[in-house]
Protein backbone atom coordinates (compact mmCIF):
# COMPACT_ATOMS: atom_id res chain seq x y z
CA UNK A 1 -20.92 -5.02 -28.84
CA UNK A 2 -19.68 -1.44 -29.15
CA UNK A 3 -16.60 -0.63 -31.20
CA UNK A 4 -14.50 0.44 -28.18
CA UNK A 5 -15.42 -2.79 -26.38
CA UNK A 6 -14.35 -4.81 -29.41
CA UNK A 7 -11.08 -2.88 -29.63
CA UNK A 8 -10.43 -3.46 -25.92
CA UNK A 9 -11.14 -7.17 -26.33
CA UNK A 10 -8.73 -7.41 -29.26
CA UNK A 11 -6.04 -5.56 -27.30
CA UNK A 12 -6.58 -7.91 -24.35
CA UNK A 13 -6.28 -10.95 -26.61
CA UNK A 14 -3.07 -9.54 -28.15
CA UNK A 15 -1.57 -9.04 -24.66
CA UNK A 16 -2.42 -12.62 -23.77
CA UNK A 17 -0.70 -13.86 -26.94
CA UNK A 18 2.53 -12.04 -26.14
CA UNK A 19 2.04 -9.27 -28.70
CA UNK A 20 2.07 -6.55 -26.07
CA UNK A 21 2.62 -2.96 -27.12
CA UNK A 22 3.06 -1.62 -23.61
CA UNK A 23 1.24 -2.01 -20.34
CA UNK A 24 -2.51 -1.75 -19.91
CA UNK A 25 -3.92 1.11 -17.83
CA UNK A 26 -4.69 -1.38 -15.04
CA UNK A 27 -1.12 -2.67 -14.97
CA UNK A 28 0.22 0.89 -14.98
CA UNK A 29 -2.11 1.66 -12.06
CA UNK A 30 -0.82 -1.37 -10.15
CA UNK A 31 2.78 -0.32 -10.72
CA UNK A 32 1.99 3.26 -9.67
CA UNK A 33 0.28 1.92 -6.52
CA UNK A 34 3.38 -0.06 -5.60
CA UNK A 35 5.59 2.98 -6.03
CA UNK A 36 3.28 5.39 -4.20
CA UNK A 37 2.77 2.97 -1.31
CA UNK A 38 6.52 2.76 -0.78
CA UNK A 39 7.38 6.36 -1.61
CA UNK A 40 4.61 8.52 -0.12
CA UNK A 41 6.19 11.70 -1.47
CA UNK A 42 5.30 10.57 -5.02
CA UNK A 43 2.02 11.88 -6.38
CA UNK A 44 -0.20 10.18 -8.94
CA UNK A 45 0.16 13.17 -11.25
CA UNK A 46 3.93 12.60 -11.31
CA UNK A 47 3.61 8.87 -11.96
CA UNK A 48 1.06 9.37 -14.74
CA UNK A 49 3.74 10.97 -16.90
CA UNK A 50 6.29 8.18 -16.43
CA UNK A 51 6.97 5.89 -19.38
CA UNK A 52 6.17 2.18 -19.03
CA UNK A 53 9.82 1.29 -18.46
CA UNK A 54 10.19 3.90 -15.70
CA UNK A 55 7.09 2.58 -13.95
CA UNK A 56 8.34 -1.01 -14.29
CA UNK A 57 11.74 -0.16 -12.82
CA UNK A 58 10.14 1.87 -10.02
CA UNK A 59 7.68 -0.92 -9.24
CA UNK A 60 10.50 -3.48 -9.10
CA UNK A 61 12.42 -1.28 -6.66
CA UNK A 62 9.29 -0.71 -4.57
CA UNK A 63 8.57 -4.44 -4.49
CA UNK A 64 12.13 -5.17 -3.44
CA UNK A 65 11.82 -2.64 -0.62
CA UNK A 66 8.50 -4.08 0.59
CA UNK A 67 7.15 -7.22 -1.15
CA UNK A 68 3.98 -7.20 0.96
CA UNK A 69 2.76 -4.03 -0.77
CA UNK A 70 1.70 -6.10 -3.79
CA UNK A 71 -0.94 -7.74 -1.58
CA UNK A 72 -2.45 -4.36 -0.66
CA UNK A 73 -3.65 -3.40 -4.15
CA UNK A 74 -7.15 -1.92 -3.93
CA UNK A 75 -10.08 -3.82 -5.44
CA UNK A 76 -10.62 -1.06 -7.99
CA UNK A 77 -7.27 -1.94 -9.57
CA UNK A 78 -7.52 -5.70 -9.09
CA UNK A 79 -10.89 -5.85 -10.83
CA UNK A 80 -9.39 -4.24 -13.92
CA UNK A 81 -6.36 -6.50 -14.24
CA UNK A 82 -6.59 -9.45 -16.58
CA UNK A 83 -5.53 -12.88 -15.34
CA UNK A 84 -2.33 -12.89 -17.42
CA UNK A 85 -1.40 -9.43 -16.15
CA UNK A 86 -1.95 -10.49 -12.55
CA UNK A 87 0.30 -13.51 -13.08
CA UNK A 88 2.96 -11.29 -14.64
CA UNK A 89 2.81 -8.85 -11.74
CA UNK A 90 3.17 -11.61 -9.20
């Protein structure tokens, strides 16, 4: 196993144990998708600079505006989200 794979595995295990130090790239992508799907004027380059808390608040507002958007996440994002992250998003 390569070093970066081991580091990613340890980070994943820490997230699952509640020792999260922010959102994973996959979770950030899911939140950005929710926002962009409900606010088409937003660009990915804008959302990439948002802090985790800003993305979380924006995603909550987007979900409130259209809860069905969560079910339109592309497979490329869904395949990267861990089970615990998917449960948290739902």
